[in-house]
Amino acid sequence: MLNRIQYISHGDTVEEQKKNILDALEAGCKMIQVRFKNGSRHAVLEVATQARVWCTYGNAVLIINDSIEIAREVDADGVHLGLTDSSVEEARRILGPTKIIGGTANTLEDVLQRITEKCDYVGLGPLRFTSTKEKLSPLLGFEGYQRVAKELDMLGLSIPIYAIGGIVRNDVELLKKIGVYGIAVSGMISDSADKMTLISEIEQKLSYA
């Protein structure tokens, strides 16, 4: 159920959000995270409601950023929680045992916490600077991902890790070699002139054994 590419929506208006989500879905993206930090609750709900219809039609997974309640209202497939958002335990209680719960992580300690909390995946980053996120955490770089992967291996622990934060096409192969499960991206897809080819190419790179 976890696709290798997670498209994180962006846009300053409801219309921009919807357009970017629809473009990503039409290009073949099968996992959408609705993230509309500056939108009102009504605006986020409007985008999420439309995304639910499109994701159902396109057989894509729908994740809602931060809001457990909106995820429940639109019957999303899951929720993504930041480190200062609601607890994973609360999300499980409200959404039930079958929904996907993802969690943000910036350090090895965060990843271990998310494993303990029984998150389904971790969004680990940022790899590098990105203009689509305010209050950016300290940059990990490729070395940071390597350290986390090595420590988890030594501890005998695993969790699907999505690299996030300023990722470009040429990063994908190295991230895959390091051991990440997938990538969570926004601008890379929205800014692409040929989204369909880009998504197909990245999925191939991430899916090889």
N, C-alpha and C. Protein backbone atom coordinates (compact mmCIF):
# COMPACT_ATOMS: atom_id res chain seq x y z
N MET A 1 0.82 -1.21 0.00
CA MET A 1 0.00 0.00 0.00
C MET A 1 0.86 1.26 0.00
N LEU A 2 2.13 1.12 0.40
CA LEU A 2 3.04 2.26 0.41
C LEU A 2 3.75 2.35 -0.93
N ASN A 3 3.38 3.31 -1.74
CA ASN A 3 4.06 3.52 -3.01
C ASN A 3 5.43 4.12 -2.77
N ARG A 4 6.33 3.93 -3.72
CA ARG A 4 7.70 4.43 -3.54
C ARG A 4 7.80 5.94 -3.64
N ILE A 5 6.85 6.57 -4.34
CA ILE A 5 6.86 8.02 -4.49
C ILE A 5 5.64 8.59 -3.78
N GLN A 6 5.89 9.49 -2.86
CA GLN A 6 4.80 10.19 -2.18
C GLN A 6 4.83 11.65 -2.62
N TYR A 7 3.75 12.07 -3.28
CA TYR A 7 3.67 13.47 -3.71
C TYR A 7 3.05 14.30 -2.59
N ILE A 8 3.78 15.32 -2.16
CA ILE A 8 3.28 16.22 -1.12
C ILE A 8 2.73 17.47 -1.79
N SER A 9 1.45 17.72 -1.60
CA SER A 9 0.81 18.81 -2.32
C SER A 9 1.35 20.16 -1.86
N HIS A 10 1.33 21.12 -2.78
CA HIS A 10 1.67 22.48 -2.41
C HIS A 10 0.89 23.44 -3.28
N GLY A 11 0.87 24.70 -2.85
CA GLY A 11 0.08 25.73 -3.51
C GLY A 11 -0.49 26.66 -2.47
N ASP A 12 -0.59 27.93 -2.82
CA ASP A 12 -1.06 28.94 -1.86
C ASP A 12 -2.57 29.06 -1.82
N THR A 13 -3.25 28.49 -2.80
CA THR A 13 -4.71 28.57 -2.85
C THR A 13 -5.30 27.18 -3.03
N VAL A 14 -6.59 27.07 -2.79
CA VAL A 14 -7.29 25.81 -2.99
C VAL A 14 -7.15 25.36 -4.44
N GLU A 15 -7.28 26.31 -5.36
CA GLU A 15 -7.20 25.97 -6.79
C GLU A 15 -5.81 25.44 -7.15
N GLU A 16 -4.75 26.07 -6.64
CA GLU A 16 -3.39 25.61 -6.93
C GLU A 16 -3.15 24.23 -6.34
N GLN A 17 -3.62 24.02 -5.13
CA GLN A 17 -3.48 22.71 -4.49
C GLN A 17 -4.16 21.63 -5.33
N LYS A 18 -5.38 21.88 -5.72
CA LYS A 18 -6.13 20.89 -6.50
C LYS A 18 -5.46 20.60 -7.83
N LYS A 19 -5.01 21.64 -8.52
CA LYS A 19 -4.36 21.46 -9.81
C LYS A 19 -3.09 20.61 -9.68
N ASN A 20 -2.27 20.92 -8.67
CA ASN A 20 -1.03 20.17 -8.49
C ASN A 20 -1.29 18.71 -8.14
N ILE A 21 -2.30 18.46 -7.33
CA ILE A 21 -2.66 17.08 -6.97
C ILE A 21 -3.15 16.32 -8.20
N LEU A 22 -4.05 16.94 -8.96
CA LEU A 22 -4.58 16.28 -10.15
C LEU A 22 -3.48 16.01 -11.17
N ASP A 23 -2.58 16.97 -11.36
CA ASP A 23 -1.46 16.78 -12.29
C ASP A 23 -0.61 15.58 -11.88
N ALA A 24 -0.32 15.47 -10.58
CA ALA A 24 0.51 14.36 -10.08
C ALA A 24 -0.20 13.02 -10.30
N LEU A 25 -1.48 12.97 -10.01
CA LEU A 25 -2.24 11.74 -10.21
C LEU A 25 -2.31 11.35 -11.68
N GLU A 26 -2.58 12.31 -12.54
CA GLU A 26 -2.68 12.02 -13.98
C GLU A 26 -1.34 11.56 -14.55
N ALA A 27 -0.24 11.97 -13.89
CA ALA A 27 1.09 11.56 -14.35
C ALA A 27 1.48 10.18 -13.81
N GLY A 28 0.63 9.61 -12.95
CA GLY A 28 0.88 8.25 -12.48
C GLY A 28 1.29 8.12 -11.03
N CYS A 29 1.28 9.21 -10.28
CA CYS A 29 1.62 9.12 -8.87
C CYS A 29 0.51 8.39 -8.11
N LYS A 30 0.87 7.44 -7.26
CA LYS A 30 -0.11 6.60 -6.58
C LYS A 30 -0.17 6.84 -5.06
N MET A 31 0.48 7.89 -4.59
CA MET A 31 0.41 8.21 -3.17
C MET A 31 0.47 9.73 -3.01
N ILE A 32 -0.59 10.29 -2.46
CA ILE A 32 -0.72 11.74 -2.32
C ILE A 32 -0.83 12.10 -0.85
N GLN A 33 -0.03 13.09 -0.44
CA GLN A 33 -0.18 13.65 0.90
C GLN A 33 -0.67 15.08 0.75
N VAL A 34 -1.87 15.34 1.29
CA VAL A 34 -2.41 16.70 1.26
C VAL A 34 -1.77 17.51 2.38
N ARG A 35 -0.97 18.49 1.98
CA ARG A 35 -0.28 19.38 2.93
C ARG A 35 -0.58 20.81 2.53
N PHE A 36 -1.32 21.50 3.38
CA PHE A 36 -1.77 22.87 3.08
C PHE A 36 -1.65 23.68 4.37
N LYS A 37 -0.42 23.95 4.77
CA LYS A 37 -0.13 24.53 6.08
C LYS A 37 -0.81 25.87 6.31
N ASN A 38 -0.86 26.70 5.27
CA ASN A 38 -1.41 28.05 5.44
C ASN A 38 -2.90 28.14 5.10
N GLY A 39 -3.49 27.01 4.79
CA GLY A 39 -4.92 27.01 4.46
C GLY A 39 -5.78 26.92 5.72
N SER A 40 -6.95 27.50 5.67
CA SER A 40 -7.91 27.36 6.78
C SER A 40 -8.39 25.93 6.85
N ARG A 41 -9.04 25.58 7.96
CA ARG A 41 -9.56 24.22 8.07
C ARG A 41 -10.53 23.92 6.93
N HIS A 42 -11.37 24.91 6.60
CA HIS A 42 -12.34 24.74 5.52
C HIS A 42 -11.63 24.49 4.18
N ALA A 43 -10.54 25.25 3.94
CA ALA A 43 -9.80 25.10 2.70
C ALA A 43 -9.12 23.73 2.62
N VAL A 44 -8.51 23.31 3.72
CA VAL A 44 -7.86 22.00 3.74
C VAL A 44 -8.89 20.89 3.51
N LEU A 45 -10.04 21.03 4.15
CA LEU A 45 -11.10 20.03 3.99
C LEU A 45 -11.59 19.98 2.55
N GLU A 46 -11.70 21.14 1.91
CA GLU A 46 -12.14 21.17 0.51
C GLU A 46 -11.13 20.45 -0.40
N VAL A 47 -9.86 20.72 -0.19
CA VAL A 47 -8.82 20.06 -0.99
C VAL A 47 -8.82 18.56 -0.71
N ALA A 48 -8.90 18.19 0.56
CA ALA A 48 -8.87 16.78 0.95
C ALA A 48 -10.08 16.01 0.40
N THR A 49 -11.23 16.64 0.42
CA THR A 49 -12.45 16.00 -0.09
C THR A 49 -12.33 15.72 -1.58
N GLN A 50 -11.82 16.71 -2.33
CA GLN A 50 -11.63 16.51 -3.77
C GLN A 50 -10.55 15.46 -4.03
N ALA A 51 -9.47 15.53 -3.26
CA ALA A 51 -8.38 14.56 -3.43
C ALA A 51 -8.87 13.14 -3.16
N ARG A 52 -9.78 12.99 -2.19
CA ARG A 52 -10.32 11.66 -1.89
C ARG A 52 -11.04 11.08 -3.12
N VAL A 53 -11.80 11.90 -3.79
CA VAL A 53 -12.52 11.45 -5.00
C VAL A 53 -11.53 11.04 -6.08
N TRP A 54 -10.55 11.90 -6.32
CA TRP A 54 -9.57 11.61 -7.38
C TRP A 54 -8.72 10.38 -7.05
N CYS A 55 -8.31 10.27 -5.78
CA CYS A 55 -7.47 9.13 -5.39
C CYS A 55 -8.24 7.81 -5.49
N THR A 56 -9.51 7.84 -5.14
CA THR A 56 -10.34 6.64 -5.27
C THR A 56 -10.43 6.24 -6.73
N TYR A 57 -10.70 7.22 -7.59
CA TYR A 57 -10.82 6.95 -9.02
C TYR A 57 -9.50 6.47 -9.62
N GLY A 58 -8.40 7.05 -9.13
CA GLY A 58 -7.08 6.71 -9.66
C GLY A 58 -6.38 5.59 -8.92
N ASN A 59 -7.09 4.96 -7.98
CA ASN A 59 -6.52 3.86 -7.20
C ASN A 59 -5.22 4.28 -6.51
N ALA A 60 -5.26 5.47 -5.91
CA ALA A 60 -4.08 6.02 -5.23
C ALA A 60 -4.36 6.14 -3.73
N VAL A 61 -3.28 6.11 -2.96
CA VAL A 61 -3.36 6.23 -1.50
C VAL A 61 -3.42 7.71 -1.13
N LEU A 62 -4.31 8.06 -0.21
CA LEU A 62 -4.45 9.45 0.25
C LEU A 62 -4.05 9.57 1.71
N ILE A 63 -3.07 10.43 1.95
CA ILE A 63 -2.60 10.74 3.30
C ILE A 63 -2.88 12.20 3.58
N ILE A 64 -3.32 12.52 4.79
CA ILE A 64 -3.55 13.91 5.18
C ILE A 64 -2.46 14.34 6.17
N ASN A 65 -1.86 15.47 5.91
CA ASN A 65 -0.82 15.99 6.79
C ASN A 65 -1.44 16.59 8.04
N ASP A 66 -0.95 16.16 9.19
CA ASP A 66 -1.27 16.75 10.51
C ASP A 66 -2.66 16.44 11.07
N SER A 67 -3.70 16.62 10.27
CA SER A 67 -5.06 16.61 10.84
C SER A 67 -5.70 15.22 10.86
N ILE A 68 -5.75 14.64 12.05
CA ILE A 68 -6.41 13.34 12.23
C ILE A 68 -7.90 13.46 11.92
N GLU A 69 -8.49 14.58 12.34
CA GLU A 69 -9.94 14.75 12.18
C GLU A 69 -10.33 14.86 10.71
N ILE A 70 -9.56 15.62 9.93
CA ILE A 70 -9.87 15.71 8.50
C ILE A 70 -9.64 14.36 7.82
N ALA A 71 -8.60 13.66 8.22
CA ALA A 71 -8.36 12.31 7.68
C ALA A 71 -9.56 11.42 7.94
N ARG A 72 -10.13 11.53 9.14
CA ARG A 72 -11.30 10.72 9.48
C ARG A 72 -12.52 11.17 8.68
N GLU A 73 -12.71 12.49 8.56
CA GLU A 73 -13.89 13.02 7.86
C GLU A 73 -13.95 12.59 6.40
N VAL A 74 -12.82 12.60 5.72
CA VAL A 74 -12.82 12.26 4.29
C VAL A 74 -12.51 10.79 4.04
N ASP A 75 -12.34 10.04 5.13
CA ASP A 75 -11.98 8.61 5.04
C ASP A 75 -10.69 8.43 4.23
N ALA A 76 -9.69 9.23 4.58
CA ALA A 76 -8.38 9.10 3.95
C ALA A 76 -7.77 7.76 4.32
N ASP A 77 -6.74 7.37 3.61
CA ASP A 77 -6.06 6.11 3.90
C ASP A 77 -5.11 6.22 5.08
N GLY A 78 -4.83 7.47 5.49
CA GLY A 78 -3.95 7.64 6.64
C GLY A 78 -3.64 9.09 6.92
N VAL A 79 -2.73 9.28 7.85
CA VAL A 79 -2.34 10.62 8.28
C VAL A 79 -0.83 10.65 8.46
N HIS A 80 -0.25 11.83 8.23
CA HIS A 80 1.18 12.03 8.49
C HIS A 80 1.33 13.03 9.62
N LEU A 81 2.06 12.64 10.67
CA LEU A 81 2.18 13.46 11.87
C LEU A 81 3.59 14.01 12.04
N GLY A 82 3.68 15.32 12.28
CA GLY A 82 4.95 15.94 12.62
C GLY A 82 5.32 15.60 14.05
N LEU A 83 6.54 15.94 14.42
CA LEU A 83 7.02 15.60 15.76
C LEU A 83 6.28 16.34 16.87
N THR A 84 5.68 17.49 16.53
CA THR A 84 4.95 18.25 17.54
C THR A 84 3.43 18.16 17.34
N ASP A 85 3.00 17.29 16.44
CA ASP A 85 1.56 17.11 16.21
C ASP A 85 0.97 16.12 17.22
N SER A 86 -0.24 15.70 16.95
CA SER A 86 -0.91 14.73 17.82
C SER A 86 -0.11 13.43 17.87
N SER A 87 -0.37 12.63 18.89
CA SER A 87 0.38 11.39 19.07
C SER A 87 -0.10 10.30 18.11
N VAL A 88 0.80 9.37 17.84
CA VAL A 88 0.46 8.21 17.01
C VAL A 88 -0.63 7.40 17.70
N GLU A 89 -0.54 7.31 19.01
CA GLU A 89 -1.55 6.57 19.79
C GLU A 89 -2.94 7.15 19.58
N GLU A 90 -3.04 8.48 19.62
CA GLU A 90 -4.34 9.12 19.41
C GLU A 90 -4.84 8.87 17.99
N ALA A 91 -3.94 8.95 17.02
CA ALA A 91 -4.32 8.71 15.63
C ALA A 91 -4.86 7.29 15.45
N ARG A 92 -4.20 6.33 16.08
CA ARG A 92 -4.66 4.93 16.00
C ARG A 92 -6.06 4.79 16.61
N ARG A 93 -6.25 5.45 17.74
CA ARG A 93 -7.53 5.34 18.44
C ARG A 93 -8.67 5.92 17.58
N ILE A 94 -8.41 7.05 16.93
CA ILE A 94 -9.44 7.72 16.15
C ILE A 94 -9.64 7.07 14.77
N LEU A 95 -8.55 6.71 14.11
CA LEU A 95 -8.63 6.22 12.74
C LEU A 95 -8.77 4.71 12.62
N GLY A 96 -8.37 4.00 13.68
CA GLY A 96 -8.48 2.55 13.64
C GLY A 96 -7.18 1.88 13.22
N PRO A 97 -7.12 0.56 13.35
CA PRO A 97 -5.86 -0.17 13.17
C PRO A 97 -5.41 -0.34 11.72
N THR A 98 -6.31 -0.11 10.76
CA THR A 98 -5.95 -0.40 9.37
C THR A 98 -5.41 0.81 8.60
N LYS A 99 -5.52 1.99 9.17
CA LYS A 99 -5.07 3.19 8.47
C LYS A 99 -3.55 3.35 8.57
N ILE A 100 -2.99 4.02 7.57
CA ILE A 100 -1.54 4.28 7.54
C ILE A 100 -1.23 5.48 8.42
N ILE A 101 -0.22 5.34 9.27
CA ILE A 101 0.23 6.49 10.07
C ILE A 101 1.73 6.66 9.82
N GLY A 102 2.04 7.81 9.23
CA GLY A 102 3.43 8.15 8.98
C GLY A 102 3.88 9.22 9.94
N GLY A 103 5.19 9.31 10.16
CA GLY A 103 5.70 10.29 11.10
C GLY A 103 6.96 10.96 10.60
N THR A 104 7.09 12.23 10.89
CA THR A 104 8.30 12.97 10.56
C THR A 104 9.43 12.57 11.49
N ALA A 105 10.65 12.55 10.96
CA ALA A 105 11.85 12.30 11.77
C ALA A 105 12.99 13.12 11.20
N ASN A 106 13.82 13.66 12.09
CA ASN A 106 14.99 14.44 11.67
C ASN A 106 16.30 13.83 12.13
N THR A 107 16.23 12.89 13.07
CA THR A 107 17.43 12.27 13.64
C THR A 107 17.22 10.78 13.83
N LEU A 108 18.30 10.06 14.16
CA LEU A 108 18.18 8.64 14.48
C LEU A 108 17.25 8.44 15.66
N GLU A 109 17.37 9.31 16.66
CA GLU A 109 16.51 9.20 17.85
C GLU A 109 15.04 9.32 17.48
N ASP A 110 14.75 10.22 16.55
CA ASP A 110 13.36 10.37 16.09
C ASP A 110 12.88 9.10 15.40
N VAL A 111 13.74 8.50 14.58
CA VAL A 111 13.36 7.28 13.87
C VAL A 111 13.08 6.16 14.87
N LEU A 112 13.95 6.03 15.88
CA LEU A 112 13.74 5.00 16.91
C LEU A 112 12.44 5.24 17.66
N GLN A 113 12.13 6.52 17.92
CA GLN A 113 10.86 6.87 18.57
C GLN A 113 9.68 6.45 17.70
N ARG A 114 9.77 6.73 16.41
CA ARG A 114 8.69 6.37 15.49
C ARG A 114 8.51 4.85 15.39
N ILE A 115 9.60 4.11 15.45
CA ILE A 115 9.50 2.65 15.44
C ILE A 115 8.79 2.18 16.70
N THR A 116 9.16 2.75 17.84
CA THR A 116 8.52 2.40 19.12
C THR A 116 7.03 2.72 19.08
N GLU A 117 6.69 3.84 18.44
CA GLU A 117 5.28 4.25 18.35
C GLU A 117 4.49 3.44 17.33
N LYS A 118 5.21 2.58 16.60
CA LYS A 118 4.60 1.72 15.58
C LYS A 118 4.03 2.52 14.40
N CYS A 119 4.79 3.53 13.96
CA CYS A 119 4.45 4.20 12.71
C CYS A 119 4.61 3.22 11.56
N ASP A 120 3.87 3.45 10.48
CA ASP A 120 3.97 2.59 9.30
C ASP A 120 5.13 3.00 8.39
N TYR A 121 5.50 4.27 8.45
CA TYR A 121 6.65 4.75 7.69
C TYR A 121 7.17 6.02 8.35
N VAL A 122 8.38 6.42 7.96
CA VAL A 122 8.99 7.64 8.47
C VAL A 122 9.37 8.53 7.29
N GLY A 123 9.08 9.81 7.41
CA GLY A 123 9.57 10.80 6.46
C GLY A 123 10.81 11.44 7.08
N LEU A 124 11.99 11.03 6.63
CA LEU A 124 13.25 11.45 7.26
C LEU A 124 13.94 12.52 6.41
N GLY A 125 14.27 13.63 7.04
CA GLY A 125 14.93 14.69 6.29
C GLY A 125 15.12 15.93 7.15
N PRO A 126 15.49 17.03 6.50
CA PRO A 126 15.60 17.20 5.06
C PRO A 126 16.98 16.82 4.51
N LEU A 127 16.96 16.34 3.26
CA LEU A 127 18.22 16.05 2.58
C LEU A 127 19.01 17.34 2.38
N ARG A 128 18.33 18.33 1.83
CA ARG A 128 18.96 19.64 1.61
C ARG A 128 17.89 20.72 1.71
N PHE A 129 18.27 21.95 1.48
CA PHE A 129 17.32 23.07 1.59
C PHE A 129 16.17 22.90 0.62
N THR A 130 14.98 23.23 1.09
CA THR A 130 13.81 23.25 0.22
C THR A 130 12.97 24.48 0.53
N SER A 131 12.48 25.10 -0.52
CA SER A 131 11.69 26.33 -0.35
C SER A 131 10.22 26.04 -0.06
N THR A 132 9.82 24.76 -0.11
CA THR A 132 8.40 24.43 0.09
C THR A 132 8.06 24.18 1.56
N LYS A 133 9.07 24.29 2.44
CA LYS A 133 8.79 24.06 3.86
C LYS A 133 9.41 25.16 4.71
N GLU A 134 8.58 25.73 5.58
CA GLU A 134 9.07 26.73 6.52
C GLU A 134 9.66 26.03 7.74
N LYS A 135 10.47 26.78 8.52
CA LYS A 135 11.07 26.24 9.75
C LYS A 135 11.79 24.92 9.48
N LEU A 136 12.72 24.98 8.55
CA LEU A 136 13.44 23.78 8.13
C LEU A 136 14.34 23.27 9.25
N SER A 137 14.32 21.96 9.45
CA SER A 137 15.19 21.32 10.44
C SER A 137 16.62 21.24 9.89
N PRO A 138 17.61 20.95 10.75
CA PRO A 138 19.00 20.81 10.29
C PRO A 138 19.11 19.79 9.15
N LEU A 139 19.91 20.12 8.14
CA LEU A 139 20.03 19.28 6.96
C LEU A 139 20.78 17.98 7.28
N LEU A 140 20.27 16.87 6.73
CA LEU A 140 20.91 15.57 6.95
C LEU A 140 22.03 15.30 5.96
N GLY A 141 21.81 15.65 4.70
CA GLY A 141 22.77 15.27 3.67
C GLY A 141 22.76 13.76 3.49
N PHE A 142 23.46 13.28 2.48
CA PHE A 142 23.52 11.84 2.24
C PHE A 142 24.19 11.11 3.41
N GLU A 143 25.15 11.78 4.03
CA GLU A 143 25.86 11.16 5.16
C GLU A 143 24.92 10.88 6.31
N GLY A 144 23.95 11.76 6.52
CA GLY A 144 22.98 11.55 7.60
C GLY A 144 22.12 10.33 7.37
N TYR A 145 21.68 10.14 6.13
CA TYR A 145 20.89 8.94 5.81
C TYR A 145 21.74 7.68 5.97
N GLN A 146 22.99 7.76 5.58
CA GLN A 146 23.88 6.60 5.73
C GLN A 146 24.06 6.23 7.20
N ARG A 147 24.22 7.23 8.05
CA ARG A 147 24.39 6.98 9.50
C ARG A 147 23.15 6.30 10.08
N VAL A 148 21.98 6.82 9.73
CA VAL A 148 20.73 6.24 10.24
C VAL A 148 20.57 4.81 9.76
N ALA A 149 20.80 4.58 8.46
CA ALA A 149 20.66 3.23 7.90
C ALA A 149 21.61 2.25 8.58
N LYS A 150 22.85 2.68 8.82
CA LYS A 150 23.85 1.83 9.45
C LYS A 150 23.46 1.50 10.89
N GLU A 151 23.01 2.48 11.63
CA GLU A 151 22.61 2.26 13.03
C GLU A 151 21.40 1.33 13.12
N LEU A 152 20.42 1.53 12.26
CA LEU A 152 19.25 0.66 12.28
C LEU A 152 19.64 -0.78 11.96
N ASP A 153 20.55 -0.94 11.01
CA ASP A 153 21.02 -2.27 10.64
C ASP A 153 21.72 -2.93 11.82
N MET A 154 22.55 -2.17 12.51
CA MET A 154 23.27 -2.71 13.67
C MET A 154 22.31 -3.10 14.79
N LEU A 155 21.21 -2.36 14.91
CA LEU A 155 20.22 -2.65 15.96
C LEU A 155 19.21 -3.72 15.54
N GLY A 156 19.28 -4.11 14.27
CA GLY A 156 18.33 -5.10 13.78
C GLY A 156 16.92 -4.57 13.65
N LEU A 157 16.81 -3.27 13.36
CA LEU A 157 15.51 -2.62 13.25
C LEU A 157 15.29 -2.13 11.83
N SER A 158 14.02 -2.03 11.46
CA SER A 158 13.72 -1.51 10.12
C SER A 158 12.35 -0.84 10.12
N ILE A 159 12.22 0.14 9.23
CA ILE A 159 10.95 0.82 8.98
C ILE A 159 11.09 1.46 7.60
N PRO A 160 10.03 1.49 6.81
CA PRO A 160 10.13 2.17 5.51
C PRO A 160 10.46 3.65 5.71
N ILE A 161 11.55 4.09 5.09
CA ILE A 161 11.98 5.48 5.21
C ILE A 161 11.82 6.20 3.89
N TYR A 162 11.11 7.32 3.93
CA TYR A 162 11.01 8.21 2.77
C TYR A 162 11.97 9.36 2.97
N ALA A 163 12.88 9.56 2.02
CA ALA A 163 13.75 10.73 2.06
C ALA A 163 12.93 11.93 1.62
N ILE A 164 13.19 13.07 2.24
CA ILE A 164 12.41 14.26 1.95
C ILE A 164 13.29 15.49 2.06
N GLY A 165 12.97 16.50 1.26
CA GLY A 165 13.66 17.78 1.41
C GLY A 165 14.60 18.13 0.27
N GLY A 166 14.08 18.80 -0.75
CA GLY A 166 14.92 19.30 -1.83
C GLY A 166 15.49 18.23 -2.74
N ILE A 167 14.84 17.08 -2.82
CA ILE A 167 15.35 15.96 -3.62
C ILE A 167 15.18 16.25 -5.11
N VAL A 168 16.22 15.94 -5.88
CA VAL A 168 16.16 16.07 -7.33
C VAL A 168 16.39 14.70 -7.97
N ARG A 169 16.14 14.63 -9.26
CA ARG A 169 16.19 13.36 -10.00
C ARG A 169 17.49 12.59 -9.78
N ASN A 170 18.61 13.30 -9.81
CA ASN A 170 19.91 12.63 -9.72
C ASN A 170 20.23 12.07 -8.33
N ASP A 171 19.40 12.40 -7.33
CA ASP A 171 19.62 11.89 -5.97
C ASP A 171 19.09 10.47 -5.78
N VAL A 172 18.17 10.07 -6.64
CA VAL A 172 17.36 8.87 -6.37
C VAL A 172 18.20 7.60 -6.27
N GLU A 173 19.11 7.40 -7.20
CA GLU A 173 19.90 6.16 -7.18
C GLU A 173 20.75 6.03 -5.92
N LEU A 174 21.38 7.12 -5.52
CA LEU A 174 22.22 7.08 -4.32
C LEU A 174 21.37 6.84 -3.07
N LEU A 175 20.22 7.49 -3.00
CA LEU A 175 19.33 7.28 -1.84
C LEU A 175 18.87 5.82 -1.78
N LYS A 176 18.58 5.24 -2.93
CA LYS A 176 18.18 3.83 -2.97
C LYS A 176 19.32 2.93 -2.48
N LYS A 177 20.55 3.22 -2.92
CA LYS A 177 21.70 2.42 -2.49
C LYS A 177 21.91 2.53 -0.99
N ILE A 178 21.65 3.71 -0.43
CA ILE A 178 21.80 3.91 1.01
C ILE A 178 20.78 3.07 1.78
N GLY A 179 19.61 2.87 1.17
CA GLY A 179 18.62 2.01 1.81
C GLY A 179 17.26 2.64 2.07
N VAL A 180 17.00 3.83 1.53
CA VAL A 180 15.68 4.41 1.74
C VAL A 180 14.64 3.62 0.95
N TYR A 181 13.42 3.63 1.44
CA TYR A 181 12.33 2.91 0.78
C TYR A 181 11.79 3.71 -0.40
N GLY A 182 11.65 5.02 -0.19
CA GLY A 182 11.06 5.86 -1.22
C GLY A 182 11.41 7.32 -1.00
N ILE A 183 10.78 8.18 -1.78
CA ILE A 183 11.00 9.61 -1.65
C ILE A 183 9.67 10.34 -1.52
N ALA A 184 9.66 11.41 -0.75
CA ALA A 184 8.50 12.29 -0.63
C ALA A 184 8.89 13.62 -1.24
N VAL A 185 8.22 14.00 -2.31
CA VAL A 185 8.62 15.18 -3.08
C VAL A 185 7.43 16.05 -3.42
N SER A 186 7.74 17.29 -3.73
CA SER A 186 6.71 18.25 -4.10
C SER A 186 7.12 18.96 -5.39
N GLY A 187 8.09 19.88 -5.25
CA GLY A 187 8.50 20.69 -6.39
C GLY A 187 9.06 19.88 -7.54
N MET A 188 9.76 18.78 -7.25
CA MET A 188 10.37 18.00 -8.32
C MET A 188 9.32 17.52 -9.32
N ILE A 189 8.14 17.15 -8.82
CA ILE A 189 7.08 16.71 -9.72
C ILE A 189 6.31 17.89 -10.28
N SER A 190 5.93 18.83 -9.43
CA SER A 190 5.12 19.97 -9.89
C SER A 190 5.84 20.80 -10.93
N ASP A 191 7.17 20.91 -10.81
CA ASP A 191 7.94 21.75 -11.73
C ASP A 191 8.40 21.03 -12.99
N SER A 192 8.12 19.73 -13.08
CA SER A 192 8.59 18.95 -14.22
C SER A 192 7.73 19.20 -15.45
N ALA A 193 8.41 19.31 -16.61
CA ALA A 193 7.69 19.50 -17.87
C ALA A 193 7.11 18.18 -18.38
N ASP A 194 7.67 17.06 -17.93
CA ASP A 194 7.19 15.74 -18.35
C ASP A 194 7.05 14.87 -17.10
N LYS A 195 5.98 15.09 -16.37
CA LYS A 195 5.77 14.43 -15.08
C LYS A 195 5.64 12.91 -15.22
N MET A 196 4.98 12.47 -16.25
CA MET A 196 4.74 11.04 -16.42
C MET A 196 6.05 10.27 -16.59
N THR A 197 6.93 10.77 -17.45
CA THR A 197 8.22 10.13 -17.67
C THR A 197 9.05 10.16 -16.40
N LEU A 198 9.03 11.30 -15.70
CA LEU A 198 9.79 11.45 -14.46
C LEU A 198 9.35 10.42 -13.42
N ILE A 199 8.05 10.31 -13.19
CA ILE A 199 7.53 9.38 -12.18
C ILE A 199 7.86 7.94 -12.54
N SER A 200 7.69 7.59 -13.81
CA SER A 200 8.00 6.24 -14.26
C SER A 200 9.47 5.91 -14.06
N GLU A 201 10.34 6.85 -14.40
CA GLU A 201 11.78 6.65 -14.26
C GLU A 201 12.18 6.47 -12.79
N ILE A 202 11.62 7.29 -11.92
CA ILE A 202 11.97 7.22 -10.50
C ILE A 202 11.46 5.93 -9.87
N GLU A 203 10.25 5.53 -10.23
CA GLU A 203 9.70 4.29 -9.69
C GLU A 203 10.58 3.09 -10.07
N GLN A 204 11.07 3.08 -11.30
CA GLN A 204 11.96 2.00 -11.74
C GLN A 204 13.23 1.98 -10.90
N LYS A 205 13.80 3.15 -10.66
CA LYS A 205 15.04 3.24 -9.89
C LYS A 205 14.84 2.80 -8.45
N LEU A 206 13.69 3.14 -7.87
CA LEU A 206 13.43 2.81 -6.49
C LEU A 206 12.98 1.37 -6.26
N SER A 207 12.47 0.74 -7.29
CA SER A 207 11.88 -0.57 -7.13
C SER A 207 12.83 -1.74 -7.41
N TYR A 208 13.97 -1.45 -8.04
CA TYR A 208 14.86 -2.57 -8.34
C TYR A 208 15.44 -3.15 -7.05
N ALA A 209 15.71 -4.44 -7.06
CA ALA A 209 16.17 -5.12 -5.84
C ALA A 209 17.55 -4.67 -5.44
